[in-house]
Protein backbone atom coordinates (compact mmCIF):
# COMPACT_ATOMS: atom_id res chain seq x y z
CA UNK A 1 102.69 -64.00 -42.41
CA UNK A 2 102.40 -60.42 -42.64
CA UNK A 3 101.15 -60.33 -46.21
CA UNK A 4 98.18 -62.08 -45.05
CA UNK A 5 97.16 -59.47 -43.11
CA UNK A 6 94.74 -57.35 -44.83
CA UNK A 7 96.05 -53.68 -45.55
CA UNK A 8 93.13 -52.06 -43.47
CA UNK A 9 94.84 -53.67 -40.45
CA UNK A 10 98.30 -53.20 -41.18
CA UNK A 11 100.53 -50.48 -39.88
CA UNK A 12 100.80 -47.01 -41.09
CA UNK A 13 102.77 -43.86 -40.26
CA UNK A 14 101.09 -40.36 -39.79
CA UNK A 15 103.64 -37.74 -39.17
CA UNK A 16 105.81 -39.04 -36.18
CA UNK A 17 103.42 -41.58 -35.20
CA UNK A 18 103.22 -45.34 -36.01
CA UNK A 19 99.53 -46.53 -36.30
CA UNK A 20 98.83 -50.21 -35.62
CA UNK A 21 95.67 -50.24 -38.26
CA UNK A 22 94.16 -48.00 -40.88
CA UNK A 23 90.58 -47.71 -38.96
CA UNK A 24 90.30 -44.20 -37.93
CA UNK A 25 87.43 -42.59 -35.66
CA UNK A 26 86.05 -39.88 -37.88
CA UNK A 27 85.17 -36.42 -36.08
CA UNK A 28 81.87 -36.53 -34.56
CA UNK A 29 80.03 -33.79 -33.06
CA UNK A 30 78.38 -34.81 -29.83
CA UNK A 31 77.63 -31.68 -27.90
CA UNK A 32 78.67 -33.32 -24.21
CA UNK A 33 80.68 -30.15 -23.21
CA UNK A 34 79.45 -27.54 -20.77
CA UNK A 35 77.48 -24.34 -21.99
CA UNK A 36 80.81 -22.78 -21.74
CA UNK A 37 82.46 -25.11 -24.28
CA UNK A 38 84.64 -26.96 -21.82
CA UNK A 39 84.92 -30.79 -22.08
CA UNK A 40 83.53 -32.81 -19.64
CA UNK A 41 84.63 -35.79 -17.65
CA UNK A 42 82.63 -38.23 -19.53
CA UNK A 43 84.43 -37.15 -22.55
CA UNK A 44 87.62 -38.75 -21.25
CA UNK A 45 85.66 -42.12 -21.11
CA UNK A 46 84.06 -41.83 -24.53
CA UNK A 47 87.47 -41.15 -26.36
CA UNK A 48 89.02 -43.79 -24.14
CA UNK A 49 87.03 -46.27 -25.24
CA UNK A 50 87.13 -45.53 -28.93
CA UNK A 51 91.40 -45.45 -28.17
CA UNK A 52 90.97 -49.22 -26.64
CA UNK A 53 92.91 -51.03 -29.45
CA UNK A 54 96.24 -49.87 -29.03
CA UNK A 55 97.77 -47.58 -32.22
CA UNK A 56 94.31 -46.24 -33.00
CA UNK A 57 94.31 -42.76 -34.49
CA UNK A 58 91.13 -40.76 -33.42
CA UNK A 59 89.93 -37.33 -34.84
CA UNK A 60 87.98 -35.10 -32.16
CA UNK A 61 84.82 -33.60 -32.87
CA UNK A 62 85.01 -30.15 -34.33
CA UNK A 63 86.38 -28.01 -31.94
CA UNK A 64 85.97 -23.96 -31.91
CA UNK A 65 89.04 -22.06 -32.51
CA UNK A 66 87.96 -18.96 -30.83
CA UNK A 67 84.64 -17.39 -29.14
CA UNK A 68 84.34 -15.04 -32.22
CA UNK A 69 85.03 -17.56 -34.74
CA UNK A 70 81.13 -18.89 -34.12
CA UNK A 71 79.68 -20.52 -31.27
CA UNK A 72 77.33 -23.43 -30.81
CA UNK A 73 76.31 -24.06 -27.15
CA UNK A 74 77.60 -27.10 -25.65
CA UNK A 75 80.56 -27.83 -28.51
CA UNK A 76 83.94 -27.84 -27.32
CA UNK A 77 86.54 -24.92 -27.42
CA UNK A 78 90.01 -24.78 -27.21
CA UNK A 79 90.95 -20.85 -26.68
CA UNK A 80 90.92 -20.54 -22.85
CA UNK A 81 92.61 -22.70 -19.75
CA UNK A 82 89.38 -24.29 -18.61
CA UNK A 83 89.10 -25.59 -22.02
CA UNK A 84 92.68 -26.98 -22.49
CA UNK A 85 92.19 -28.50 -18.96
CA UNK A 86 89.27 -30.42 -19.95
CA UNK A 87 91.23 -31.69 -23.23
CA UNK A 88 94.08 -32.66 -21.38
CA UNK A 89 92.22 -35.32 -19.46
CA UNK A 90 90.91 -36.76 -22.52
CA UNK A 91 94.39 -36.68 -24.40
CA UNK A 92 95.78 -38.54 -21.40
CA UNK A 93 92.85 -41.15 -21.38
CA UNK A 94 93.49 -41.85 -24.88
CA UNK A 95 97.44 -41.91 -24.70
CA UNK A 96 97.03 -44.30 -21.56
CA UNK A 97 95.37 -46.79 -23.95
CA UNK A 98 98.32 -46.36 -26.62
CA UNK A 99 96.71 -44.42 -29.09
CA UNK A 100 96.69 -40.97 -30.75
CA UNK A 101 94.21 -38.47 -31.03
CA UNK A 102 94.10 -35.13 -33.51
CA UNK A 103 91.96 -32.13 -32.86
CA UNK A 104 89.90 -30.93 -35.21
CA UNK A 105 89.82 -26.94 -35.56
CA UNK A 106 86.76 -25.27 -36.34
CA UNK A 107 85.70 -21.68 -37.22
CA UNK A 108 81.88 -21.54 -38.45
CA UNK A 109 81.48 -18.24 -40.45
CA UNK A 110 77.97 -17.98 -41.73
CA UNK A 111 76.57 -21.27 -40.35
CA UNK A 112 77.14 -19.82 -36.55
CA UNK A 113 74.27 -19.67 -33.99
CA UNK A 114 74.04 -16.08 -34.48
CA UNK A 115 71.89 -15.97 -31.05
CA UNK A 116 74.72 -17.62 -29.04
CA UNK A 117 77.38 -15.65 -30.99
CA UNK A 118 75.50 -12.18 -29.78
CA UNK A 119 74.67 -13.55 -26.41
CA UNK A 120 78.32 -13.98 -25.82
CA UNK A 121 79.46 -10.58 -27.11
CA UNK A 122 76.97 -8.30 -29.10
CA UNK A 123 79.90 -6.80 -30.95
CA UNK A 124 80.98 -10.20 -32.35
CA UNK A 125 80.23 -9.87 -35.98
CA UNK A 126 78.53 -12.57 -38.03
CA UNK A 127 80.90 -13.15 -41.15
CA UNK A 128 81.71 -14.96 -44.11
CA UNK A 129 83.87 -14.93 -47.14
CA UNK A 130 80.81 -13.01 -48.78
CA UNK A 131 77.34 -11.61 -47.74
CA UNK A 132 75.53 -14.74 -48.91
CA UNK A 133 73.55 -16.55 -46.51
CA UNK A 134 73.37 -20.20 -46.04
CA UNK A 135 70.25 -20.97 -48.34
CA UNK A 136 68.29 -22.81 -45.78
CA UNK A 137 69.50 -21.76 -42.68
CA UNK A 138 72.39 -23.20 -40.57
CA UNK A 139 72.87 -26.83 -39.39
CA UNK A 140 71.72 -25.60 -35.85
CA UNK A 141 70.10 -22.56 -36.48
CA UNK A 142 67.10 -21.68 -34.11
CA UNK A 143 65.65 -19.34 -36.58
CA UNK A 144 63.46 -19.95 -39.60
CA UNK A 145 65.47 -17.30 -41.91
CA UNK A 146 69.03 -17.50 -42.69
CA UNK A 147 70.83 -14.34 -41.24
CA UNK A 148 72.90 -12.71 -44.16
CA UNK A 149 76.76 -12.33 -43.21
CA UNK A 150 79.25 -9.48 -43.36
CA UNK A 151 82.37 -10.19 -45.66
CA UNK A 152 85.56 -10.74 -43.35
CA UNK A 153 87.97 -7.74 -44.31
CA UNK A 154 91.56 -8.42 -45.15
CA UNK A 155 92.69 -7.36 -41.77
CA UNK A 156 89.97 -9.92 -39.96
CA UNK A 157 91.25 -12.39 -42.24
CA UNK A 158 94.79 -12.07 -40.85
CA UNK A 159 93.25 -12.20 -37.55
CA UNK A 160 91.58 -15.43 -38.13
CA UNK A 161 94.94 -16.93 -39.50
CA UNK A 162 96.61 -16.28 -36.14
CA UNK A 163 93.62 -17.38 -34.27
CA UNK A 164 93.93 -20.94 -35.99
CA UNK A 165 97.74 -20.91 -35.17
CA UNK A 166 96.71 -20.08 -31.28
CA UNK A 167 94.11 -22.75 -31.44
CA UNK A 168 96.73 -25.46 -33.08
CA UNK A 169 99.44 -24.43 -30.47
CA UNK A 170 96.81 -24.79 -27.17
CA UNK A 171 96.01 -28.36 -28.73
CA UNK A 172 99.41 -29.65 -29.25
CA UNK A 173 101.69 -27.66 -26.94
CA UNK A 174 99.36 -27.07 -23.93
CA UNK A 175 96.53 -29.90 -24.27
CA UNK A 176 98.89 -32.56 -25.37
CA UNK A 177 96.81 -33.74 -28.61
CA UNK A 178 99.30 -35.62 -31.27
CA UNK A 179 98.07 -32.94 -33.70
CA UNK A 180 95.43 -30.82 -35.32
CA UNK A 181 93.07 -31.44 -38.14
CA UNK A 182 92.01 -28.36 -39.97
CA UNK A 183 88.17 -28.48 -40.63
CA UNK A 184 87.96 -27.43 -44.40
CA UNK A 185 84.59 -29.34 -45.33
CA UNK A 186 80.86 -29.15 -44.77
CA UNK A 187 80.36 -25.48 -45.45
CA UNK A 188 82.26 -23.94 -42.47
CA UNK A 189 84.53 -20.94 -42.69
CA UNK A 190 87.51 -22.31 -44.92
CA UNK A 191 84.95 -24.10 -47.26
CA UNK A 192 83.32 -20.85 -47.71
CA UNK A 193 86.27 -19.32 -49.27
CA UNK A 194 87.18 -22.35 -51.37
CA UNK A 195 83.88 -22.58 -52.95
CA UNK A 196 82.49 -20.27 -55.46
CA UNK A 197 78.72 -20.65 -54.59
CA UNK A 198 79.46 -18.71 -51.62
CA UNK A 199 82.67 -16.67 -52.29
CA UNK A 200 82.00 -13.72 -54.58
CA UNK A 201 84.71 -11.36 -53.30
CA UNK A 202 86.86 -9.56 -55.81
CA UNK A 203 89.96 -9.16 -53.94
CA UNK A 204 93.03 -11.41 -53.28
CA UNK A 205 90.66 -14.14 -51.39
CA UNK A 206 87.92 -14.44 -54.21
CA UNK A 207 87.34 -15.08 -58.08
CA UNK A 208 90.29 -17.31 -59.11
CA UNK A 209 90.97 -20.93 -58.11
CA UNK A 210 94.33 -19.65 -56.43
CA UNK A 211 92.63 -16.98 -54.59
CA UNK A 212 89.78 -18.92 -53.29
CA UNK A 213 92.35 -21.28 -52.07
CA UNK A 214 94.47 -18.71 -50.34
CA UNK A 215 92.89 -18.53 -46.85
CA UNK A 216 93.08 -22.09 -46.51
CA UNK A 217 96.65 -22.33 -47.27
CA UNK A 218 97.25 -19.22 -45.03
CA UNK A 219 95.91 -20.94 -42.55
CA UNK A 220 97.86 -24.15 -42.85
CA UNK A 221 101.10 -22.18 -43.14
CA UNK A 222 100.55 -20.58 -39.83
CA UNK A 223 99.53 -23.80 -38.44
CA UNK A 224 102.59 -25.47 -39.75
CA UNK A 225 104.62 -22.78 -38.31
CA UNK A 226 103.18 -23.39 -34.77
CA UNK A 227 103.30 -27.17 -34.53
CA UNK A 228 104.99 -28.70 -37.38
CA UNK A 229 103.48 -30.05 -40.70
CA UNK A 230 104.16 -33.61 -39.58
CA UNK A 231 101.17 -33.00 -37.00
CA UNK A 232 99.06 -31.09 -39.23
CA UNK A 233 96.27 -32.46 -41.46
CA UNK A 234 93.03 -31.20 -43.51
CA UNK A 235 89.81 -32.07 -44.08
CA UNK A 236 87.97 -31.25 -47.46
CA UNK A 237 84.65 -32.03 -48.82
CA UNK A 238 84.50 -31.52 -52.47
CA UNK A 239 81.21 -32.99 -53.22
CA UNK A 240 79.57 -32.23 -49.92
CA UNK A 241 76.35 -30.14 -50.57
CA UNK A 242 75.77 -29.53 -46.73
CA UNK A 243 74.65 -25.88 -46.04
CA UNK A 244 74.76 -24.40 -49.15
CA UNK A 245 77.88 -26.00 -50.79
CA UNK A 246 77.97 -27.59 -54.14
CA UNK A 247 80.13 -26.00 -56.80
CA UNK A 248 79.15 -27.15 -60.42
CA UNK A 249 82.69 -28.45 -60.75
CA UNK A 250 84.98 -28.77 -57.68
CA UNK A 251 87.61 -30.77 -59.38
CA UNK A 252 89.93 -27.48 -60.60
CA UNK A 253 89.99 -25.87 -57.31
CA UNK A 254 90.24 -28.99 -55.11
CA UNK A 255 93.04 -30.36 -57.20
CA UNK A 256 94.93 -27.11 -57.02
CA UNK A 257 94.59 -27.08 -53.10
CA UNK A 258 95.86 -30.66 -52.75
CA UNK A 259 98.57 -30.14 -55.12
CA UNK A 260 100.05 -26.99 -53.20
CA UNK A 261 99.74 -28.94 -49.85
CA UNK A 262 101.60 -31.79 -51.51
CA UNK A 263 104.34 -29.43 -52.95
CA UNK A 264 104.56 -27.22 -50.04
CA UNK A 265 104.57 -29.82 -47.21
CA UNK A 266 106.29 -33.00 -47.90
CA UNK A 267 105.94 -34.17 -44.29
CA UNK A 268 102.43 -33.31 -43.84
CA UNK A 269 100.54 -35.71 -41.62
CA UNK A 270 97.52 -36.57 -43.83
CA UNK A 271 94.71 -35.38 -46.39
CA UNK A 272 91.30 -36.05 -45.01
CA UNK A 273 88.40 -36.04 -47.58
CA UNK A 274 84.71 -36.88 -47.37
CA UNK A 275 83.44 -38.99 -50.05
CA UNK A 276 80.25 -38.16 -52.20
CA UNK A 277 76.88 -38.67 -50.94
CA UNK A 278 77.68 -37.52 -47.45
CA UNK A 279 76.03 -34.21 -46.40
CA UNK A 280 77.04 -33.32 -42.94
CA UNK A 281 76.00 -36.45 -40.76
CA UNK A 282 73.36 -37.69 -43.06
CA UNK A 283 73.46 -40.00 -46.46
CA UNK A 284 72.30 -38.36 -49.53
CA UNK A 285 71.97 -39.56 -53.23
CA UNK A 286 75.24 -39.98 -54.33
CA UNK A 287 75.52 -37.75 -57.60
CA UNK A 288 76.15 -40.12 -60.89
CA UNK A 289 79.87 -40.03 -62.36
CA UNK A 290 81.15 -38.30 -59.20
CA UNK A 291 84.34 -39.43 -57.23
CA UNK A 292 87.26 -38.39 -55.21
CA UNK A 293 89.59 -40.44 -57.45
CA UNK A 294 91.16 -37.17 -58.63
CA UNK A 295 92.17 -36.40 -55.07
CA UNK A 296 93.58 -40.05 -54.80
CA UNK A 297 95.67 -39.41 -58.25
CA UNK A 298 96.99 -36.21 -56.81
CA UNK A 299 97.79 -37.24 -53.38
CA UNK A 300 98.47 -40.89 -53.17
CA UNK A 301 100.53 -42.54 -52.07
CA UNK A 302 100.85 -40.28 -49.10
CA UNK A 303 98.32 -41.00 -46.30
CA UNK A 304 94.92 -40.56 -47.27
CA UNK A 305 92.03 -40.75 -44.97
CA UNK A 306 88.57 -41.08 -46.32
CA UNK A 307 85.48 -41.14 -44.89
CA UNK A 308 81.65 -41.97 -46.14
CA UNK A 309 79.39 -44.80 -45.61
CA UNK A 310 82.03 -47.60 -45.45
CA UNK A 311 81.33 -51.44 -44.82
CA UNK A 312 84.14 -53.76 -43.58
CA UNK A 313 84.33 -55.07 -46.99
CA UNK A 314 84.49 -51.78 -49.16
CA UNK A 315 87.16 -50.52 -46.47
CA UNK A 316 89.35 -53.37 -47.08
CA UNK A 317 89.01 -53.11 -50.70
CA UNK A 318 89.99 -49.55 -50.54
CA UNK A 319 92.84 -50.04 -48.11
CA UNK A 320 94.31 -52.72 -50.47
CA UNK A 321 94.05 -51.09 -53.75
CA UNK A 322 96.03 -48.00 -51.97
CA UNK A 323 98.52 -50.22 -50.51
CA UNK A 324 99.37 -51.91 -53.62
CA UNK A 325 99.76 -48.61 -55.42
CA UNK A 326 102.11 -47.49 -52.56
CA UNK A 327 104.16 -50.56 -52.76
CA UNK A 328 104.38 -50.16 -56.61
CA UNK A 329 106.16 -46.81 -56.58
CA UNK A 330 108.50 -48.10 -54.02
CA UNK A 331 107.18 -46.76 -50.69
CA UNK A 332 107.69 -49.08 -47.35
CA UNK A 333 104.39 -50.65 -46.25
CA UNK A 334 103.90 -48.37 -43.29
CA UNK A 335 104.92 -45.04 -45.29
CA UNK A 336 101.68 -44.73 -47.36
CA UNK A 337 97.99 -45.54 -48.47
CA UNK A 338 94.44 -45.05 -47.48
CA UNK A 339 93.07 -45.26 -44.08
CA UNK A 340 89.45 -45.31 -43.64
CA UNK A 341 87.49 -43.12 -41.13
CA UNK A 342 84.41 -44.56 -39.47
CA UNK A 343 81.65 -42.24 -38.09
CA UNK A 344 78.29 -43.96 -36.82
CA UNK A 345 79.98 -47.35 -36.72
CA UNK A 346 82.82 -46.16 -34.63
CA UNK A 347 80.16 -44.10 -32.47
CA UNK A 348 78.37 -47.47 -31.61
CA UNK A 349 80.92 -49.88 -31.56
CA UNK A 350 83.93 -48.64 -29.07
CA UNK A 351 86.19 -51.77 -30.28
CA UNK A 352 85.42 -51.00 -33.99
CA UNK A 353 88.96 -52.12 -35.31
CA UNK A 354 88.64 -55.39 -33.49
CA UNK A 355 85.08 -56.12 -34.56
CA UNK A 356 86.03 -55.47 -38.17
CA UNK A 357 89.33 -57.40 -38.25
CA UNK A 358 87.45 -60.54 -36.97
CA UNK A 359 84.05 -60.13 -38.75
CA UNK A 360 82.33 -59.68 -35.49
CA UNK A 361 78.76 -58.41 -35.47
CA UNK A 362 77.97 -54.77 -34.79
CA UNK A 363 76.00 -52.88 -32.60
CA UNK A 364 73.44 -50.58 -33.89
CA UNK A 365 73.49 -46.89 -33.18
CA UNK A 366 70.72 -44.53 -31.69
CA UNK A 367 70.39 -41.42 -33.84
CA UNK A 368 68.14 -40.03 -30.85
CA UNK A 369 71.33 -39.92 -28.54
CA UNK A 370 73.56 -38.41 -31.13
CA UNK A 371 73.36 -34.78 -29.57
CA UNK A 372 72.37 -34.28 -25.92
CA UNK A 373 73.39 -31.13 -25.06
CA UNK A 374 75.46 -30.99 -21.65
CA UNK A 375 74.62 -34.70 -20.94
CA UNK A 376 76.78 -36.43 -18.53
CA UNK A 377 74.82 -39.54 -18.09
CA UNK A 378 76.80 -41.43 -20.89
CA UNK A 379 73.59 -42.41 -22.73
CA UNK A 380 74.07 -43.11 -26.21
CA UNK A 381 77.72 -42.18 -25.20
CA UNK A 382 79.80 -44.41 -23.20
CA UNK A 383 77.36 -47.16 -22.84
CA UNK A 384 77.54 -48.91 -26.20
CA UNK A 385 79.14 -52.61 -25.29
CA UNK A 386 82.28 -53.86 -26.17
CA UNK A 387 82.09 -57.39 -28.14
CA UNK A 388 84.49 -59.22 -25.67
């Protein structure tokens, strides 16, 4: 009987796509591209392995929307034909397995590697919402001190909005991605506008909650116009302290943002939120008395992806609760609820949906091989075993 199947393993619709379960590959930076940000052949194998359970949703590693939007050597881009061609091999490999893949769109702002940025073009400005540097340096900064960014002008903000739209078009209409996820978390450019710890602007993009959300909403509108709301998702991290984030009270800002997305885009593919206790790729102490339940209260029963140190048991519990809520408000079983994104566990277990459903033991992950810039050997990447 269908009702005997746990919610985590029941189908759900994301935009026009019918997933066969609610286990999602979280976006994971792996640095396996060329130094020119072109996806390499080994990446097709990596994603295809994690697409091996038909009907799986994969969210790609964060992908730079443009060269001037900030650079990390060996991270992927989506602004030129070589990158698009590299990604097309990845999307084909995923689709051949009967699964789906969204591209995560990324602009770095004050967290960019300034040396790589200026090596690409000395005239590229190092920018953010305001002139506030990352307190302890960027995630991959090569310098001991954190450089001071220049606030984006309003004309530059409009240019960035267009760069996001172009990247979304490239992803869906050229590289054959099923959709895109806007990276609005972890202290990158959109988050730098959202959070008052680094947005001290006094124009229409700063100050009030509405103004600090303006850039994120303009980016979303441009992307929706380019590819459709049903192929657009966004990731946020209200409680993530990574790279100098951490508002005293993020609830009003993120409640407003999510409410606007819900009102403006009834067909929006999904909302993706990082749970408290996660900071970038690391686990940190979860602050007391904080949760994303305010997001759930605002967004559910529409499709919601949550990520953050889930186990098989906690994932099943959360998915079950959300599906029950969706059914209570009269939605069809496959029309709403909560999906669970797994990072490190999916990295180490390419057949994770099968393992979770059957309670099979899990491979351990190897932190030493998370980031091997430009590597094509597959070490710590495509050499994790399947259970059967």
